Amino acid sequence: MAGSNGKQKTVRDMVLSLGLILVAGWVMYLFIPHDDRPPENKRVDYRVELLSARRAASYPVAAPEGLPAEWKATSVRFRGDEFDAWHLGFQAPDGEYVAIEQSAQKRSTFIDEASQGARATKTTEEIGGRTWTRYTGGRYDALVLEGTKGSTTVVAGTGSFAQLSEMAKALKTV
């Protein structure tokens, strides 16, 4: 009989330990602050990188002018060692992502990378006196500037085509 009493005591101790762990976990959940909101993207100042890119790139580098203050620049980079690749990412007022991508890389390869797999449609838009072709079906929708030599300009992101068009309209080169 002594053997069965020991087994009962062991099972009882395990159940008590499990209960204590559950109570401790519940208390930690209640008293440790937790935030379910996604982290806020910080605004970046891209002026220095833009000036550097405009001096170094083999093509006219584009950046927006006159966008409303609600558009927040969140990422910027220029890679002279990778086909003079220019990237400027924004968070649109509704939280969607819109980016300007430019490069001297082979056009088809660059468009595929910038739009993350989107394909050309037959739809074009006249924006700021320039013709842009819509691309869809990839991770991002995109507008691709037509008729440029030496570089490719893509406005891509999760934003709507209205937002992509707004960004394309704001693009200026110096």
N, C-alpha and C. Protein backbone atom coordinates (compact mmCIF):
# COMPACT_ATOMS: atom_id res chain seq x y z
N MET A 1 0.80 -1.19 0.00
CA MET A 1 0.00 0.00 0.00
C MET A 1 0.84 1.26 0.00
N ALA A 2 2.01 1.14 0.56
CA ALA A 2 2.85 2.33 0.64
C ALA A 2 3.22 2.84 -0.74
N GLY A 3 3.35 1.95 -1.73
CA GLY A 3 3.72 2.35 -3.08
C GLY A 3 2.63 3.16 -3.75
N SER A 4 1.35 2.81 -3.56
CA SER A 4 0.27 3.54 -4.23
C SER A 4 0.09 4.92 -3.62
N ASN A 5 0.30 5.07 -2.32
CA ASN A 5 0.19 6.36 -1.67
C ASN A 5 1.25 7.32 -2.21
N GLY A 6 2.42 6.82 -2.50
CA GLY A 6 3.50 7.65 -3.06
C GLY A 6 3.16 8.14 -4.46
N LYS A 7 2.52 7.26 -5.27
CA LYS A 7 2.13 7.65 -6.61
C LYS A 7 1.03 8.71 -6.58
N GLN A 8 0.09 8.57 -5.66
CA GLN A 8 -0.99 9.54 -5.54
C GLN A 8 -0.43 10.90 -5.13
N LYS A 9 0.55 10.87 -4.25
CA LYS A 9 1.16 12.10 -3.79
C LYS A 9 1.91 12.78 -4.94
N THR A 10 2.59 12.01 -5.79
CA THR A 10 3.32 12.56 -6.92
C THR A 10 2.37 13.21 -7.92
N VAL A 11 1.25 12.55 -8.23
CA VAL A 11 0.27 13.10 -9.17
C VAL A 11 -0.34 14.37 -8.58
N ARG A 12 -0.69 14.33 -7.30
CA ARG A 12 -1.25 15.51 -6.64
C ARG A 12 -0.27 16.68 -6.68
N ASP A 13 1.01 16.42 -6.44
CA ASP A 13 2.03 17.48 -6.49
C ASP A 13 2.16 18.06 -7.90
N MET A 14 2.09 17.21 -8.94
CA MET A 14 2.17 17.70 -10.32
C MET A 14 0.97 18.57 -10.66
N VAL A 15 -0.23 18.18 -10.25
CA VAL A 15 -1.43 18.98 -10.51
C VAL A 15 -1.34 20.31 -9.78
N LEU A 16 -0.90 20.29 -8.54
CA LEU A 16 -0.73 21.55 -7.78
C LEU A 16 0.31 22.46 -8.45
N SER A 17 1.41 21.89 -8.91
CA SER A 17 2.44 22.67 -9.58
C SER A 17 1.90 23.29 -10.87
N LEU A 18 1.16 22.51 -11.64
CA LEU A 18 0.57 23.02 -12.87
C LEU A 18 -0.41 24.15 -12.57
N GLY A 19 -1.22 23.97 -11.54
CA GLY A 19 -2.16 25.03 -11.15
C GLY A 19 -1.44 26.30 -10.74
N LEU A 20 -0.36 26.16 -10.00
CA LEU A 20 0.42 27.32 -9.57
C LEU A 20 1.05 28.03 -10.77
N ILE A 21 1.53 27.26 -11.75
CA ILE A 21 2.11 27.86 -12.97
C ILE A 21 1.04 28.62 -13.74
N LEU A 22 -0.16 28.06 -13.86
CA LEU A 22 -1.26 28.72 -14.57
C LEU A 22 -1.66 30.02 -13.88
N VAL A 23 -1.74 30.00 -12.55
CA VAL A 23 -2.08 31.21 -11.79
C VAL A 23 -0.99 32.26 -11.99
N ALA A 24 0.27 31.87 -11.94
CA ALA A 24 1.37 32.82 -12.13
C ALA A 24 1.33 33.41 -13.56
N GLY A 25 1.04 32.58 -14.56
CA GLY A 25 0.93 33.08 -15.93
C GLY A 25 -0.22 34.05 -16.08
N TRP A 26 -1.35 33.77 -15.46
CA TRP A 26 -2.50 34.65 -15.53
C TRP A 26 -2.19 35.99 -14.86
N VAL A 27 -1.53 35.98 -13.72
CA VAL A 27 -1.15 37.22 -13.01
C VAL A 27 -0.18 38.03 -13.87
N MET A 28 0.79 37.38 -14.49
CA MET A 28 1.73 38.11 -15.35
C MET A 28 1.00 38.73 -16.53
N TYR A 29 0.08 38.02 -17.12
CA TYR A 29 -0.68 38.54 -18.25
C TYR A 29 -1.47 39.79 -17.85
N LEU A 30 -2.05 39.76 -16.64
CA LEU A 30 -2.85 40.90 -16.18
C LEU A 30 -2.00 42.13 -15.88
N PHE A 31 -0.83 41.95 -15.31
CA PHE A 31 -0.08 43.08 -14.80
C PHE A 31 1.09 43.54 -15.67
N ILE A 32 1.48 42.75 -16.64
CA ILE A 32 2.55 43.19 -17.54
C ILE A 32 1.90 43.87 -18.74
N PRO A 33 2.25 45.13 -19.01
CA PRO A 33 1.61 45.84 -20.13
C PRO A 33 1.93 45.17 -21.46
N HIS A 34 0.95 45.11 -22.32
CA HIS A 34 1.15 44.59 -23.67
C HIS A 34 0.31 45.42 -24.61
N ASP A 35 0.86 45.64 -25.80
CA ASP A 35 0.22 46.49 -26.80
C ASP A 35 0.05 45.68 -28.07
N ASP A 36 -1.16 45.56 -28.55
CA ASP A 36 -1.43 44.77 -29.73
C ASP A 36 -1.31 45.57 -31.02
N ARG A 37 -1.09 46.87 -30.92
CA ARG A 37 -0.94 47.69 -32.12
C ARG A 37 0.41 47.43 -32.77
N PRO A 38 0.46 47.48 -34.12
CA PRO A 38 1.76 47.34 -34.77
C PRO A 38 2.65 48.54 -34.44
N PRO A 39 3.96 48.35 -34.42
CA PRO A 39 4.84 49.46 -34.08
C PRO A 39 4.71 50.56 -35.13
N GLU A 40 4.81 51.79 -34.69
CA GLU A 40 4.70 52.93 -35.59
C GLU A 40 6.01 53.11 -36.36
N ASN A 41 5.87 53.31 -37.67
CA ASN A 41 7.05 53.57 -38.49
C ASN A 41 7.55 54.98 -38.22
N LYS A 42 8.85 55.12 -38.05
CA LYS A 42 9.42 56.43 -37.80
C LYS A 42 9.64 57.16 -39.12
N ARG A 43 9.43 58.46 -39.09
CA ARG A 43 9.67 59.31 -40.25
C ARG A 43 11.17 59.48 -40.43
N VAL A 44 11.64 59.35 -41.67
CA VAL A 44 13.06 59.56 -41.96
C VAL A 44 13.23 60.81 -42.82
N ASP A 45 14.36 61.45 -42.65
CA ASP A 45 14.70 62.60 -43.48
C ASP A 45 15.59 62.07 -44.61
N TYR A 46 15.14 62.23 -45.83
CA TYR A 46 15.84 61.64 -46.97
C TYR A 46 16.61 62.66 -47.79
N ARG A 47 16.70 63.90 -47.34
CA ARG A 47 17.33 64.96 -48.15
C ARG A 47 18.80 64.69 -48.45
N VAL A 48 19.57 64.24 -47.48
CA VAL A 48 21.00 64.00 -47.70
C VAL A 48 21.20 62.86 -48.69
N GLU A 49 20.46 61.75 -48.51
CA GLU A 49 20.58 60.63 -49.43
C GLU A 49 20.14 61.02 -50.84
N LEU A 50 19.12 61.87 -50.94
CA LEU A 50 18.64 62.33 -52.25
C LEU A 50 19.71 63.15 -52.95
N LEU A 51 20.34 64.06 -52.24
CA LEU A 51 21.40 64.86 -52.85
C LEU A 51 22.57 63.99 -53.29
N SER A 52 22.94 63.02 -52.46
CA SER A 52 24.03 62.11 -52.82
C SER A 52 23.66 61.28 -54.04
N ALA A 53 22.45 60.77 -54.08
CA ALA A 53 22.00 59.96 -55.21
C ALA A 53 21.97 60.78 -56.50
N ARG A 54 21.51 62.00 -56.40
CA ARG A 54 21.44 62.86 -57.59
C ARG A 54 22.83 63.19 -58.13
N ARG A 55 23.82 63.27 -57.26
CA ARG A 55 25.20 63.51 -57.73
C ARG A 55 25.80 62.25 -58.33
N ALA A 56 25.47 61.08 -57.77
CA ALA A 56 26.17 59.84 -58.15
C ALA A 56 25.47 59.03 -59.24
N ALA A 57 24.17 59.13 -59.36
CA ALA A 57 23.42 58.27 -60.28
C ALA A 57 23.67 58.65 -61.73
N SER A 58 23.50 57.65 -62.60
CA SER A 58 23.69 57.85 -64.03
C SER A 58 22.41 58.31 -64.72
N TYR A 59 21.40 58.64 -63.96
CA TYR A 59 20.10 59.07 -64.49
C TYR A 59 19.53 60.13 -63.54
N PRO A 60 18.51 60.89 -63.97
CA PRO A 60 17.88 61.87 -63.08
C PRO A 60 17.06 61.19 -61.99
N VAL A 61 17.44 61.37 -60.75
CA VAL A 61 16.79 60.71 -59.61
C VAL A 61 15.52 61.48 -59.25
N ALA A 62 14.42 60.74 -59.08
CA ALA A 62 13.12 61.34 -58.78
C ALA A 62 12.80 61.26 -57.29
N ALA A 63 12.15 62.33 -56.81
CA ALA A 63 11.65 62.38 -55.44
C ALA A 63 10.40 63.25 -55.45
N PRO A 64 9.47 63.00 -54.53
CA PRO A 64 8.23 63.78 -54.53
C PRO A 64 8.42 65.19 -53.99
N GLU A 65 7.65 66.09 -54.55
CA GLU A 65 7.57 67.47 -54.05
C GLU A 65 6.10 67.81 -53.90
N GLY A 66 5.76 68.43 -52.78
CA GLY A 66 4.40 68.90 -52.58
C GLY A 66 3.41 67.86 -52.08
N LEU A 67 3.89 66.72 -51.59
CA LEU A 67 2.97 65.75 -50.99
C LEU A 67 2.43 66.32 -49.68
N PRO A 68 1.19 66.01 -49.32
CA PRO A 68 0.68 66.44 -48.02
C PRO A 68 1.55 65.88 -46.87
N ALA A 69 1.55 66.57 -45.76
CA ALA A 69 2.38 66.19 -44.61
C ALA A 69 2.01 64.83 -44.04
N GLU A 70 0.81 64.33 -44.34
CA GLU A 70 0.38 63.03 -43.82
C GLU A 70 1.17 61.88 -44.45
N TRP A 71 1.80 62.11 -45.59
CA TRP A 71 2.66 61.10 -46.21
C TRP A 71 3.97 61.09 -45.44
N LYS A 72 4.33 59.92 -44.91
CA LYS A 72 5.52 59.83 -44.06
C LYS A 72 6.61 59.00 -44.74
N ALA A 73 7.77 59.62 -45.01
CA ALA A 73 8.91 58.87 -45.55
C ALA A 73 9.41 57.93 -44.46
N THR A 74 9.53 56.63 -44.80
CA THR A 74 9.92 55.65 -43.79
C THR A 74 11.21 54.91 -44.12
N SER A 75 11.65 54.95 -45.39
CA SER A 75 12.89 54.25 -45.75
C SER A 75 13.51 54.92 -46.96
N VAL A 76 14.84 54.92 -46.98
CA VAL A 76 15.58 55.52 -48.09
C VAL A 76 16.91 54.82 -48.24
N ARG A 77 17.33 54.61 -49.51
CA ARG A 77 18.67 54.07 -49.74
C ARG A 77 19.05 54.29 -51.21
N PHE A 78 20.32 54.46 -51.41
CA PHE A 78 20.89 54.52 -52.75
C PHE A 78 22.04 53.54 -52.79
N ARG A 79 22.01 52.64 -53.78
CA ARG A 79 23.06 51.62 -53.92
C ARG A 79 23.75 51.83 -55.26
N GLY A 80 24.82 52.58 -55.26
CA GLY A 80 25.58 52.82 -56.48
C GLY A 80 26.23 51.56 -57.02
N ASP A 81 26.50 50.60 -56.14
CA ASP A 81 27.13 49.35 -56.56
C ASP A 81 26.13 48.36 -57.14
N GLU A 82 24.83 48.67 -57.05
CA GLU A 82 23.79 47.78 -57.57
C GLU A 82 22.94 48.54 -58.59
N PHE A 83 23.51 48.84 -59.73
CA PHE A 83 22.82 49.48 -60.84
C PHE A 83 22.26 50.85 -60.47
N ASP A 84 22.96 51.59 -59.61
CA ASP A 84 22.48 52.90 -59.16
C ASP A 84 21.04 52.82 -58.66
N ALA A 85 20.76 51.87 -57.81
CA ALA A 85 19.39 51.63 -57.33
C ALA A 85 18.98 52.66 -56.29
N TRP A 86 17.89 53.36 -56.55
CA TRP A 86 17.32 54.37 -55.65
C TRP A 86 15.99 53.84 -55.12
N HIS A 87 15.82 53.93 -53.80
CA HIS A 87 14.58 53.51 -53.14
C HIS A 87 14.16 54.58 -52.15
N LEU A 88 12.89 54.95 -52.20
CA LEU A 88 12.33 55.89 -51.23
C LEU A 88 10.93 55.40 -50.89
N GLY A 89 10.75 54.93 -49.65
CA GLY A 89 9.47 54.35 -49.22
C GLY A 89 8.67 55.31 -48.36
N PHE A 90 7.35 55.27 -48.53
CA PHE A 90 6.44 56.14 -47.78
C PHE A 90 5.31 55.34 -47.18
N GLN A 91 4.80 55.84 -46.05
CA GLN A 91 3.55 55.37 -45.50
C GLN A 91 2.50 56.40 -45.89
N ALA A 92 1.49 55.94 -46.62
CA ALA A 92 0.40 56.83 -47.06
C ALA A 92 -0.47 57.19 -45.85
N PRO A 93 -1.31 58.21 -45.98
CA PRO A 93 -2.14 58.63 -44.84
C PRO A 93 -2.99 57.51 -44.24
N ASP A 94 -3.41 56.53 -45.04
CA ASP A 94 -4.23 55.44 -44.50
C ASP A 94 -3.40 54.25 -44.03
N GLY A 95 -2.07 54.39 -44.01
CA GLY A 95 -1.19 53.34 -43.50
C GLY A 95 -0.64 52.41 -44.57
N GLU A 96 -1.08 52.55 -45.82
CA GLU A 96 -0.57 51.71 -46.90
C GLU A 96 0.85 52.14 -47.26
N TYR A 97 1.55 51.27 -47.98
CA TYR A 97 2.94 51.48 -48.35
C TYR A 97 3.04 51.87 -49.83
N VAL A 98 3.81 52.92 -50.12
CA VAL A 98 4.07 53.36 -51.50
C VAL A 98 5.55 53.69 -51.60
N ALA A 99 6.21 53.16 -52.64
CA ALA A 99 7.66 53.38 -52.79
C ALA A 99 7.99 53.84 -54.20
N ILE A 100 9.03 54.65 -54.28
CA ILE A 100 9.62 55.03 -55.56
C ILE A 100 10.87 54.18 -55.71
N GLU A 101 10.97 53.48 -56.83
CA GLU A 101 12.12 52.64 -57.11
C GLU A 101 12.68 53.07 -58.47
N GLN A 102 13.98 53.30 -58.55
CA GLN A 102 14.64 53.61 -59.80
C GLN A 102 15.93 52.83 -59.89
N SER A 103 16.30 52.47 -61.13
CA SER A 103 17.52 51.72 -61.32
C SER A 103 17.93 51.73 -62.78
N ALA A 104 19.22 51.51 -63.00
CA ALA A 104 19.75 51.34 -64.35
C ALA A 104 19.83 49.86 -64.72
N GLN A 105 19.30 49.00 -63.85
CA GLN A 105 19.29 47.56 -64.09
C GLN A 105 18.41 47.24 -65.31
N LYS A 106 18.59 46.05 -65.87
CA LYS A 106 17.76 45.60 -67.00
C LYS A 106 16.29 45.81 -66.63
N ARG A 107 15.55 46.47 -67.51
CA ARG A 107 14.18 46.91 -67.24
C ARG A 107 13.27 45.78 -66.72
N SER A 108 13.17 44.67 -67.43
CA SER A 108 12.24 43.60 -67.04
C SER A 108 12.59 43.01 -65.67
N THR A 109 13.86 42.83 -65.42
CA THR A 109 14.31 42.29 -64.13
C THR A 109 13.98 43.26 -63.00
N PHE A 110 14.27 44.53 -63.24
CA PHE A 110 14.03 45.53 -62.20
C PHE A 110 12.55 45.68 -61.89
N ILE A 111 11.69 45.71 -62.91
CA ILE A 111 10.26 45.85 -62.68
C ILE A 111 9.74 44.66 -61.88
N ASP A 112 10.19 43.46 -62.21
CA ASP A 112 9.78 42.27 -61.48
C ASP A 112 10.18 42.36 -60.01
N GLU A 113 11.40 42.83 -59.75
CA GLU A 113 11.87 42.96 -58.36
C GLU A 113 11.13 44.07 -57.63
N ALA A 114 10.97 45.22 -58.27
CA ALA A 114 10.35 46.37 -57.62
C ALA A 114 8.87 46.12 -57.30
N SER A 115 8.17 45.42 -58.19
CA SER A 115 6.75 45.16 -57.98
C SER A 115 6.51 43.81 -57.30
N GLN A 116 7.57 43.07 -57.12
CA GLN A 116 7.53 41.74 -56.51
C GLN A 116 6.57 40.83 -57.26
N GLY A 117 6.78 40.78 -58.58
CA GLY A 117 6.08 39.80 -59.40
C GLY A 117 4.89 40.29 -60.19
N ALA A 118 4.60 41.58 -60.19
CA ALA A 118 3.44 42.08 -60.94
C ALA A 118 3.71 42.01 -62.44
N ARG A 119 2.64 41.94 -63.22
CA ARG A 119 2.72 41.87 -64.67
C ARG A 119 2.01 43.06 -65.30
N ALA A 120 2.47 43.47 -66.46
CA ALA A 120 1.91 44.62 -67.17
C ALA A 120 0.46 44.37 -67.57
N THR A 121 -0.35 45.40 -67.46
CA THR A 121 -1.71 45.37 -67.98
C THR A 121 -1.73 46.22 -69.25
N LYS A 122 -2.85 46.29 -69.88
CA LYS A 122 -2.98 47.13 -71.07
C LYS A 122 -3.41 48.55 -70.69
N THR A 123 -3.55 48.81 -69.41
CA THR A 123 -4.00 50.10 -68.92
C THR A 123 -2.83 51.04 -68.72
N THR A 124 -2.93 52.23 -69.32
CA THR A 124 -1.92 53.27 -69.11
C THR A 124 -2.62 54.51 -68.55
N GLU A 125 -1.83 55.34 -67.89
CA GLU A 125 -2.33 56.59 -67.33
C GLU A 125 -1.41 57.71 -67.76
N GLU A 126 -2.00 58.85 -68.05
CA GLU A 126 -1.23 60.05 -68.33
C GLU A 126 -1.16 60.83 -67.02
N ILE A 127 0.04 60.90 -66.44
CA ILE A 127 0.23 61.57 -65.15
C ILE A 127 1.36 62.58 -65.32
N GLY A 128 1.04 63.84 -65.12
CA GLY A 128 2.05 64.89 -65.22
C GLY A 128 2.71 64.94 -66.59
N GLY A 129 1.95 64.66 -67.63
CA GLY A 129 2.50 64.72 -68.99
C GLY A 129 3.35 63.52 -69.37
N ARG A 130 3.36 62.48 -68.53
CA ARG A 130 4.13 61.28 -68.81
C ARG A 130 3.21 60.07 -68.80
N THR A 131 3.55 59.05 -69.58
CA THR A 131 2.73 57.84 -69.67
C THR A 131 3.26 56.78 -68.71
N TRP A 132 2.37 56.27 -67.88
CA TRP A 132 2.68 55.22 -66.91
C TRP A 132 1.82 54.01 -67.21
N THR A 133 2.40 52.82 -67.13
CA THR A 133 1.67 51.57 -67.34
C THR A 133 1.38 50.92 -65.99
N ARG A 134 0.16 50.42 -65.84
CA ARG A 134 -0.22 49.72 -64.61
C ARG A 134 0.28 48.28 -64.65
N TYR A 135 0.77 47.83 -63.50
CA TYR A 135 1.19 46.44 -63.29
C TYR A 135 0.41 45.91 -62.10
N THR A 136 -0.10 44.68 -62.21
CA THR A 136 -0.84 44.06 -61.11
C THR A 136 -0.47 42.59 -60.98
N GLY A 137 -0.95 41.98 -59.91
CA GLY A 137 -0.79 40.54 -59.75
C GLY A 137 0.38 40.10 -58.91
N GLY A 138 1.23 41.00 -58.50
CA GLY A 138 2.34 40.63 -57.63
C GLY A 138 2.01 40.99 -56.20
N ARG A 139 3.02 41.02 -55.38
CA ARG A 139 2.80 41.44 -53.99
C ARG A 139 2.36 42.90 -53.96
N TYR A 140 2.92 43.71 -54.88
CA TYR A 140 2.57 45.12 -54.99
C TYR A 140 1.92 45.38 -56.34
N ASP A 141 1.03 46.36 -56.38
CA ASP A 141 0.61 46.95 -57.64
C ASP A 141 1.64 48.01 -57.97
N ALA A 142 1.73 48.38 -59.25
CA ALA A 142 2.78 49.32 -59.63
C ALA A 142 2.38 50.16 -60.82
N LEU A 143 3.02 51.31 -60.92
CA LEU A 143 2.99 52.15 -62.11
C LEU A 143 4.42 52.24 -62.60
N VAL A 144 4.62 52.00 -63.90
CA VAL A 144 5.96 52.02 -64.48
C VAL A 144 6.00 53.12 -65.53
N LEU A 145 6.97 54.01 -65.40
CA LEU A 145 7.13 55.12 -66.34
C LEU A 145 7.63 54.60 -67.67
N GLU A 146 6.95 54.97 -68.73
CA GLU A 146 7.32 54.54 -70.08
C GLU A 146 8.20 55.59 -70.75
N GLY A 147 8.97 55.15 -71.73
CA GLY A 147 9.73 56.07 -72.57
C GLY A 147 10.99 56.64 -71.95
N THR A 148 11.55 55.99 -70.96
CA THR A 148 12.80 56.47 -70.37
C THR A 148 13.95 55.61 -70.88
N LYS A 149 15.09 56.24 -71.05
CA LYS A 149 16.28 55.50 -71.49
C LYS A 149 17.34 55.59 -70.40
N GLY A 150 18.01 54.50 -70.16
CA GLY A 150 19.09 54.48 -69.19
C GLY A 150 18.67 54.16 -67.78
N SER A 151 17.36 54.20 -67.51
CA SER A 151 16.88 53.86 -66.18
C SER A 151 15.40 53.50 -66.26
N THR A 152 14.89 52.91 -65.18
CA THR A 152 13.47 52.58 -65.07
C THR A 152 12.96 53.16 -63.77
N THR A 153 11.78 53.78 -63.83
CA THR A 153 11.13 54.34 -62.65
C THR A 153 9.85 53.57 -62.38
N VAL A 154 9.72 53.09 -61.14
CA VAL A 154 8.55 52.32 -60.72
C VAL A 154 8.01 52.95 -59.43
N VAL A 155 6.70 53.17 -59.39
CA VAL A 155 6.01 53.54 -58.15
C VAL A 155 5.18 52.33 -57.79
N ALA A 156 5.49 51.70 -56.66
CA ALA A 156 4.86 50.43 -56.30
C ALA A 156 4.48 50.43 -54.83
N GLY A 157 3.57 49.53 -54.47
CA GLY A 157 3.22 49.38 -53.08
C GLY A 157 1.88 48.73 -52.87
N THR A 158 1.46 48.72 -51.61
CA THR A 158 0.17 48.15 -51.24
C THR A 158 -0.94 49.17 -51.37
N GLY A 159 -0.59 50.41 -51.62
CA GLY A 159 -1.58 51.47 -51.77
C GLY A 159 -2.43 51.28 -53.02
N SER A 160 -3.51 52.04 -53.08
CA SER A 160 -4.42 51.99 -54.22
C SER A 160 -3.75 52.64 -55.43
N PHE A 161 -4.31 52.41 -56.62
CA PHE A 161 -3.77 53.07 -57.80
C PHE A 161 -3.93 54.58 -57.70
N ALA A 162 -4.93 55.06 -56.98
CA ALA A 162 -5.08 56.50 -56.76
C ALA A 162 -3.88 57.03 -55.96
N GLN A 163 -3.45 56.28 -54.94
CA GLN A 163 -2.29 56.70 -54.15
C GLN A 163 -1.01 56.61 -54.98
N LEU A 164 -0.86 55.53 -55.76
CA LEU A 164 0.32 55.40 -56.61
C LEU A 164 0.36 56.55 -57.61
N SER A 165 -0.80 56.92 -58.16
CA SER A 165 -0.87 58.03 -59.11
C SER A 165 -0.53 59.36 -58.45
N GLU A 166 -1.00 59.54 -57.21
CA GLU A 166 -0.68 60.76 -56.47
C GLU A 166 0.84 60.89 -56.28
N MET A 167 1.48 59.78 -55.95
CA MET A 167 2.93 59.79 -55.79
C MET A 167 3.62 60.07 -57.13
N ALA A 168 3.17 59.40 -58.18
CA ALA A 168 3.78 59.60 -59.50
C ALA A 168 3.65 61.05 -59.95
N LYS A 169 2.51 61.65 -59.66
CA LYS A 169 2.28 63.05 -60.04
C LYS A 169 3.21 63.99 -59.28
N ALA A 170 3.56 63.64 -58.06
CA ALA A 170 4.41 64.49 -57.23
C ALA A 170 5.90 64.36 -57.55
N LEU A 171 6.30 63.34 -58.34
CA LEU A 171 7.72 63.11 -58.60
C LEU A 171 8.33 64.21 -59.45
N LYS A 172 9.49 64.66 -59.02
CA LYS A 172 10.26 65.67 -59.72
C LYS A 172 11.72 65.24 -59.79
N THR A 173 12.38 65.61 -60.87
CA THR A 173 13.82 65.40 -60.97
C THR A 173 14.46 66.76 -61.15
N VAL A 174 15.66 66.91 -60.67
CA VAL A 174 16.36 68.19 -60.78
C VAL A 174 17.48 68.07 -61.77
